[in-house]
N, C-alpha and C. Protein backbone atom coordinates (compact mmCIF):
# COMPACT_ATOMS: atom_id res chain seq x y z
N MET A 1 -77.51 -1.03 -19.00
CA MET A 1 -76.84 -1.43 -17.80
C MET A 1 -77.56 -2.64 -17.22
N ILE A 2 -76.79 -3.67 -16.88
CA ILE A 2 -77.39 -4.90 -16.35
C ILE A 2 -76.91 -5.09 -14.92
N PHE A 3 -77.84 -5.38 -14.04
CA PHE A 3 -77.49 -5.67 -12.66
C PHE A 3 -77.97 -7.08 -12.34
N LEU A 4 -77.05 -7.93 -11.91
CA LEU A 4 -77.44 -9.25 -11.43
C LEU A 4 -77.56 -9.10 -9.92
N HIS A 5 -78.77 -8.84 -9.43
CA HIS A 5 -78.90 -8.48 -8.04
C HIS A 5 -79.90 -9.28 -7.23
N CYS A 6 -80.53 -10.26 -7.83
CA CYS A 6 -81.43 -11.05 -7.01
C CYS A 6 -81.41 -12.49 -7.48
N LYS A 7 -81.76 -13.36 -6.57
CA LYS A 7 -81.72 -14.80 -6.87
C LYS A 7 -82.59 -15.14 -8.08
N PHE A 8 -83.75 -14.53 -8.19
CA PHE A 8 -84.64 -14.80 -9.33
C PHE A 8 -83.96 -14.47 -10.65
N ALA A 9 -83.36 -13.29 -10.74
CA ALA A 9 -82.69 -12.89 -11.98
C ALA A 9 -81.54 -13.84 -12.29
N SER A 10 -80.79 -14.23 -11.29
CA SER A 10 -79.67 -15.14 -11.49
C SER A 10 -80.14 -16.50 -11.98
N GLU A 11 -81.19 -17.02 -11.36
CA GLU A 11 -81.71 -18.32 -11.77
C GLU A 11 -82.31 -18.22 -13.17
N THR A 12 -82.99 -17.14 -13.46
CA THR A 12 -83.58 -16.95 -14.78
C THR A 12 -82.49 -16.90 -15.85
N LEU A 13 -81.40 -16.21 -15.59
CA LEU A 13 -80.30 -16.14 -16.53
C LEU A 13 -79.71 -17.52 -16.77
N THR A 14 -79.45 -18.26 -15.70
CA THR A 14 -78.89 -19.61 -15.83
C THR A 14 -79.83 -20.51 -16.62
N VAL A 15 -81.10 -20.51 -16.29
CA VAL A 15 -82.08 -21.35 -16.99
C VAL A 15 -82.18 -20.95 -18.46
N SER A 16 -82.17 -19.65 -18.75
CA SER A 16 -82.26 -19.19 -20.14
C SER A 16 -81.05 -19.64 -20.95
N ILE A 17 -79.87 -19.52 -20.38
CA ILE A 17 -78.66 -19.95 -21.10
C ILE A 17 -78.68 -21.45 -21.32
N LEU A 18 -79.08 -22.22 -20.31
CA LEU A 18 -79.13 -23.67 -20.47
C LEU A 18 -80.19 -24.08 -21.48
N ARG A 19 -81.33 -23.38 -21.51
CA ARG A 19 -82.37 -23.68 -22.50
C ARG A 19 -81.84 -23.37 -23.91
N TRP A 20 -81.20 -22.22 -24.08
CA TRP A 20 -80.63 -21.87 -25.38
C TRP A 20 -79.59 -22.91 -25.81
N THR A 21 -78.79 -23.37 -24.86
CA THR A 21 -77.77 -24.38 -25.16
C THR A 21 -78.42 -25.66 -25.67
N ARG A 22 -79.47 -26.12 -25.00
CA ARG A 22 -80.20 -27.31 -25.44
C ARG A 22 -80.77 -27.13 -26.84
N GLU A 23 -81.41 -25.97 -27.07
CA GLU A 23 -81.98 -25.69 -28.39
C GLU A 23 -80.90 -25.67 -29.47
N GLU A 24 -79.78 -25.07 -29.18
CA GLU A 24 -78.68 -24.98 -30.14
C GLU A 24 -78.10 -26.36 -30.42
N GLU A 25 -77.96 -27.20 -29.39
CA GLU A 25 -77.45 -28.55 -29.60
C GLU A 25 -78.42 -29.37 -30.45
N ASN A 26 -79.72 -29.19 -30.24
CA ASN A 26 -80.71 -29.88 -31.07
C ASN A 26 -80.63 -29.42 -32.53
N ARG A 27 -80.49 -28.11 -32.73
CA ARG A 27 -80.35 -27.58 -34.09
C ARG A 27 -79.11 -28.14 -34.77
N ILE A 28 -78.03 -28.22 -34.03
CA ILE A 28 -76.77 -28.75 -34.57
C ILE A 28 -76.95 -30.20 -35.00
N LYS A 29 -77.59 -31.00 -34.16
CA LYS A 29 -77.81 -32.42 -34.48
C LYS A 29 -78.68 -32.56 -35.72
N GLU A 30 -79.75 -31.76 -35.80
CA GLU A 30 -80.67 -31.83 -36.94
C GLU A 30 -79.97 -31.48 -38.25
N ASN A 31 -79.03 -30.56 -38.21
CA ASN A 31 -78.35 -30.09 -39.42
C ASN A 31 -76.99 -30.75 -39.64
N ASN A 32 -76.67 -31.77 -38.83
CA ASN A 32 -75.37 -32.43 -38.92
C ASN A 32 -74.23 -31.42 -38.92
N ASP A 33 -74.34 -30.44 -38.05
CA ASP A 33 -73.37 -29.36 -37.94
C ASP A 33 -72.30 -29.74 -36.93
N ARG A 34 -71.35 -28.84 -36.72
CA ARG A 34 -70.30 -29.06 -35.72
C ARG A 34 -70.88 -29.00 -34.32
N ASN A 35 -70.19 -29.68 -33.40
CA ASN A 35 -70.63 -29.71 -32.01
C ASN A 35 -70.42 -28.36 -31.33
N LEU A 36 -71.30 -28.08 -30.39
CA LEU A 36 -71.15 -26.91 -29.53
C LEU A 36 -70.06 -27.24 -28.52
N LYS A 37 -69.11 -26.33 -28.32
CA LYS A 37 -67.98 -26.61 -27.44
C LYS A 37 -67.91 -25.68 -26.24
N CYS A 38 -68.40 -24.46 -26.41
CA CYS A 38 -68.32 -23.53 -25.29
C CYS A 38 -69.42 -22.47 -25.39
N ILE A 39 -69.63 -21.83 -24.27
CA ILE A 39 -70.55 -20.69 -24.19
C ILE A 39 -69.71 -19.49 -23.80
N ILE A 40 -69.76 -18.44 -24.63
CA ILE A 40 -69.03 -17.21 -24.34
C ILE A 40 -70.02 -16.20 -23.78
N LEU A 41 -69.76 -15.77 -22.57
CA LEU A 41 -70.64 -14.83 -21.88
C LEU A 41 -69.94 -13.47 -21.86
N ASP A 42 -70.44 -12.55 -22.70
CA ASP A 42 -69.88 -11.20 -22.78
C ASP A 42 -70.43 -10.38 -21.61
N MET A 43 -69.54 -10.01 -20.70
CA MET A 43 -69.94 -9.31 -19.48
C MET A 43 -69.66 -7.82 -19.54
N THR A 44 -69.39 -7.30 -20.72
CA THR A 44 -69.05 -5.89 -20.88
C THR A 44 -70.08 -4.96 -20.23
N ALA A 45 -71.36 -5.26 -20.39
CA ALA A 45 -72.41 -4.38 -19.89
C ALA A 45 -72.77 -4.63 -18.43
N VAL A 46 -72.13 -5.62 -17.81
CA VAL A 46 -72.43 -5.92 -16.40
C VAL A 46 -71.60 -4.99 -15.53
N SER A 47 -72.25 -4.03 -14.91
CA SER A 47 -71.54 -3.03 -14.11
C SER A 47 -71.46 -3.38 -12.64
N SER A 48 -72.26 -4.35 -12.21
CA SER A 48 -72.27 -4.76 -10.81
C SER A 48 -72.74 -6.21 -10.72
N ILE A 49 -72.20 -6.92 -9.76
CA ILE A 49 -72.62 -8.30 -9.54
C ILE A 49 -72.60 -8.57 -8.03
N ASP A 50 -73.62 -9.27 -7.55
CA ASP A 50 -73.67 -9.58 -6.13
C ASP A 50 -73.46 -11.08 -5.93
N THR A 51 -73.64 -11.52 -4.71
CA THR A 51 -73.39 -12.92 -4.37
C THR A 51 -74.25 -13.87 -5.19
N SER A 52 -75.51 -13.55 -5.39
CA SER A 52 -76.37 -14.45 -6.16
C SER A 52 -75.95 -14.48 -7.63
N GLY A 53 -75.44 -13.38 -8.15
CA GLY A 53 -74.92 -13.37 -9.52
C GLY A 53 -73.68 -14.23 -9.65
N ILE A 54 -72.80 -14.14 -8.67
CA ILE A 54 -71.59 -14.97 -8.67
C ILE A 54 -71.98 -16.44 -8.54
N GLU A 55 -72.93 -16.74 -7.68
CA GLU A 55 -73.40 -18.12 -7.54
C GLU A 55 -73.99 -18.62 -8.86
N ALA A 56 -74.68 -17.75 -9.58
CA ALA A 56 -75.24 -18.14 -10.88
C ALA A 56 -74.14 -18.49 -11.87
N VAL A 57 -73.04 -17.73 -11.86
CA VAL A 57 -71.92 -18.04 -12.75
C VAL A 57 -71.31 -19.38 -12.38
N PHE A 58 -71.11 -19.63 -11.08
CA PHE A 58 -70.60 -20.92 -10.63
C PHE A 58 -71.53 -22.06 -11.06
N GLU A 59 -72.82 -21.88 -10.84
CA GLU A 59 -73.80 -22.91 -11.19
C GLU A 59 -73.83 -23.15 -12.69
N LEU A 60 -73.79 -22.08 -13.46
CA LEU A 60 -73.78 -22.21 -14.92
C LEU A 60 -72.55 -22.98 -15.36
N ARG A 61 -71.38 -22.64 -14.83
CA ARG A 61 -70.15 -23.35 -15.18
C ARG A 61 -70.27 -24.83 -14.83
N ARG A 62 -70.77 -25.12 -13.64
CA ARG A 62 -70.92 -26.51 -13.19
C ARG A 62 -71.85 -27.31 -14.11
N ARG A 63 -72.97 -26.70 -14.45
CA ARG A 63 -73.94 -27.41 -15.29
C ARG A 63 -73.45 -27.55 -16.73
N LEU A 64 -72.74 -26.56 -17.24
CA LEU A 64 -72.18 -26.68 -18.58
C LEU A 64 -71.09 -27.75 -18.63
N GLU A 65 -70.27 -27.83 -17.59
CA GLU A 65 -69.23 -28.85 -17.54
C GLU A 65 -69.83 -30.25 -17.57
N LYS A 66 -70.98 -30.45 -16.93
CA LYS A 66 -71.67 -31.74 -16.97
C LYS A 66 -72.04 -32.11 -18.40
N GLN A 67 -72.22 -31.10 -19.26
CA GLN A 67 -72.56 -31.32 -20.66
C GLN A 67 -71.33 -31.25 -21.55
N SER A 68 -70.15 -31.27 -20.93
CA SER A 68 -68.86 -31.17 -21.64
C SER A 68 -68.73 -29.87 -22.42
N LEU A 69 -69.27 -28.79 -21.87
CA LEU A 69 -69.17 -27.47 -22.47
C LEU A 69 -68.35 -26.55 -21.56
N GLN A 70 -67.59 -25.68 -22.18
CA GLN A 70 -66.75 -24.74 -21.45
C GLN A 70 -67.46 -23.39 -21.33
N LEU A 71 -67.36 -22.77 -20.17
CA LEU A 71 -67.86 -21.41 -19.97
C LEU A 71 -66.68 -20.46 -20.10
N VAL A 72 -66.85 -19.43 -20.93
CA VAL A 72 -65.82 -18.41 -21.14
C VAL A 72 -66.44 -17.05 -20.81
N LEU A 73 -65.75 -16.28 -20.00
CA LEU A 73 -66.20 -14.93 -19.66
C LEU A 73 -65.38 -13.92 -20.44
N VAL A 74 -66.06 -12.90 -20.95
CA VAL A 74 -65.38 -11.86 -21.72
C VAL A 74 -65.60 -10.51 -21.05
N ASN A 75 -64.51 -9.81 -20.81
CA ASN A 75 -64.47 -8.42 -20.36
C ASN A 75 -65.30 -8.09 -19.12
N PRO A 76 -65.14 -8.88 -18.04
CA PRO A 76 -65.75 -8.40 -16.79
C PRO A 76 -64.94 -7.21 -16.31
N VAL A 77 -65.60 -6.10 -16.05
CA VAL A 77 -64.88 -4.86 -15.75
C VAL A 77 -64.98 -4.46 -14.28
N GLY A 78 -64.01 -3.67 -13.84
CA GLY A 78 -64.02 -3.03 -12.53
C GLY A 78 -64.36 -3.92 -11.37
N SER A 79 -65.38 -3.53 -10.63
CA SER A 79 -65.75 -4.27 -9.42
C SER A 79 -66.26 -5.67 -9.73
N VAL A 80 -66.80 -5.87 -10.93
CA VAL A 80 -67.25 -7.21 -11.33
C VAL A 80 -66.04 -8.15 -11.37
N MET A 81 -64.96 -7.71 -12.01
CA MET A 81 -63.75 -8.52 -12.09
C MET A 81 -63.18 -8.78 -10.70
N GLU A 82 -63.17 -7.76 -9.86
CA GLU A 82 -62.66 -7.92 -8.50
C GLU A 82 -63.46 -8.96 -7.73
N LYS A 83 -64.78 -8.90 -7.82
CA LYS A 83 -65.62 -9.85 -7.11
C LYS A 83 -65.48 -11.26 -7.66
N LEU A 84 -65.37 -11.39 -8.98
CA LEU A 84 -65.17 -12.71 -9.58
C LEU A 84 -63.82 -13.28 -9.15
N HIS A 85 -62.81 -12.44 -9.08
CA HIS A 85 -61.49 -12.88 -8.65
C HIS A 85 -61.52 -13.33 -7.18
N LYS A 86 -62.14 -12.53 -6.33
CA LYS A 86 -62.23 -12.87 -4.90
C LYS A 86 -63.01 -14.17 -4.68
N SER A 87 -63.98 -14.42 -5.53
CA SER A 87 -64.81 -15.62 -5.38
C SER A 87 -64.14 -16.87 -5.92
N LYS A 88 -62.99 -16.70 -6.57
CA LYS A 88 -62.21 -17.81 -7.14
C LYS A 88 -62.80 -18.36 -8.45
N ILE A 89 -63.83 -17.71 -9.00
CA ILE A 89 -64.41 -18.17 -10.27
C ILE A 89 -63.39 -18.05 -11.39
N ILE A 90 -62.56 -17.02 -11.36
CA ILE A 90 -61.55 -16.83 -12.40
C ILE A 90 -60.58 -18.00 -12.40
N GLU A 91 -60.13 -18.41 -11.21
CA GLU A 91 -59.24 -19.57 -11.10
C GLU A 91 -59.91 -20.83 -11.64
N SER A 92 -61.17 -21.01 -11.33
CA SER A 92 -61.86 -22.24 -11.74
C SER A 92 -62.07 -22.30 -13.26
N LEU A 93 -62.10 -21.14 -13.93
CA LEU A 93 -62.26 -21.13 -15.38
C LEU A 93 -60.96 -21.48 -16.11
N GLY A 94 -59.85 -21.23 -15.49
CA GLY A 94 -58.56 -21.53 -16.10
C GLY A 94 -58.13 -20.47 -17.10
N LEU A 95 -56.98 -20.71 -17.74
CA LEU A 95 -56.38 -19.74 -18.65
C LEU A 95 -57.24 -19.46 -19.88
N SER A 96 -57.99 -20.44 -20.32
CA SER A 96 -58.81 -20.24 -21.53
C SER A 96 -60.26 -19.89 -21.18
N GLY A 97 -60.47 -19.37 -19.97
CA GLY A 97 -61.82 -19.04 -19.56
C GLY A 97 -62.10 -17.56 -19.38
N LEU A 98 -61.10 -16.71 -19.71
CA LEU A 98 -61.27 -15.28 -19.51
C LEU A 98 -60.53 -14.53 -20.62
N TYR A 99 -61.26 -13.64 -21.31
CA TYR A 99 -60.69 -12.87 -22.41
C TYR A 99 -61.18 -11.43 -22.33
N LEU A 100 -60.46 -10.55 -23.03
CA LEU A 100 -60.85 -9.13 -23.08
C LEU A 100 -61.94 -8.87 -24.10
N THR A 101 -61.93 -9.61 -25.23
CA THR A 101 -62.94 -9.40 -26.27
C THR A 101 -63.50 -10.73 -26.75
N VAL A 102 -64.69 -10.70 -27.32
CA VAL A 102 -65.29 -11.90 -27.89
C VAL A 102 -64.42 -12.39 -29.05
N GLY A 103 -63.94 -11.47 -29.88
CA GLY A 103 -63.09 -11.85 -31.01
C GLY A 103 -61.84 -12.57 -30.57
N GLU A 104 -61.21 -12.07 -29.52
CA GLU A 104 -60.01 -12.71 -28.98
C GLU A 104 -60.34 -14.12 -28.47
N ALA A 105 -61.45 -14.27 -27.80
CA ALA A 105 -61.86 -15.58 -27.28
C ALA A 105 -62.10 -16.56 -28.42
N VAL A 106 -62.86 -16.14 -29.42
CA VAL A 106 -63.17 -17.02 -30.55
C VAL A 106 -61.88 -17.42 -31.29
N SER A 107 -61.02 -16.45 -31.54
CA SER A 107 -59.78 -16.72 -32.25
C SER A 107 -58.89 -17.69 -31.49
N ASP A 108 -58.69 -17.43 -30.21
CA ASP A 108 -57.81 -18.28 -29.41
C ASP A 108 -58.38 -19.69 -29.23
N LEU A 109 -59.66 -19.78 -28.92
CA LEU A 109 -60.28 -21.09 -28.72
C LEU A 109 -60.30 -21.88 -30.03
N SER A 110 -60.60 -21.22 -31.14
CA SER A 110 -60.60 -21.90 -32.44
C SER A 110 -59.21 -22.45 -32.77
N SER A 111 -58.18 -21.64 -32.52
CA SER A 111 -56.81 -22.08 -32.77
C SER A 111 -56.46 -23.28 -31.90
N THR A 112 -56.86 -23.24 -30.65
CA THR A 112 -56.58 -24.35 -29.74
C THR A 112 -57.27 -25.62 -30.21
N TRP A 113 -58.54 -25.52 -30.61
CA TRP A 113 -59.27 -26.70 -31.08
C TRP A 113 -58.64 -27.24 -32.36
N LYS A 114 -58.27 -26.38 -33.28
CA LYS A 114 -57.64 -26.83 -34.52
C LYS A 114 -56.32 -27.52 -34.25
N ALA A 115 -55.54 -27.00 -33.31
CA ALA A 115 -54.26 -27.61 -32.94
C ALA A 115 -54.45 -29.01 -32.35
N HIS A 116 -55.61 -29.24 -31.76
CA HIS A 116 -55.92 -30.56 -31.19
C HIS A 116 -56.76 -31.41 -32.15
N GLY A 117 -56.86 -30.99 -33.40
CA GLY A 117 -57.58 -31.76 -34.41
C GLY A 117 -59.09 -31.74 -34.30
N GLN A 118 -59.62 -30.73 -33.62
CA GLN A 118 -61.07 -30.58 -33.50
C GLN A 118 -61.54 -29.50 -34.45
N PRO A 119 -62.65 -29.73 -35.14
CA PRO A 119 -63.15 -28.71 -36.07
C PRO A 119 -63.72 -27.49 -35.36
């Protein structure tokens, strides 16, 4: 069970994801691999989220967008979904920013990129 309940945890999560993103982009460049296009955040185990957790999601989305990366949320459940909806984060992610499963997200996003000629 994961609780995003304090500013420190929220900032640590955001910093960790951004650090991983940088490392992954460097690995991709070194191996002449495909570009990183999005970060899928599986929220299945998140049973509660507070204001600082919601702010962390907003901040993560904002910082990823600056890097031309999309944030996708998967399976926020119960009160987490309600709070994300009330905070307008769901609206800001758009239609391709929220999925029920990681598999569904990967499949749909891959199809969309292929339809637009992106590998």
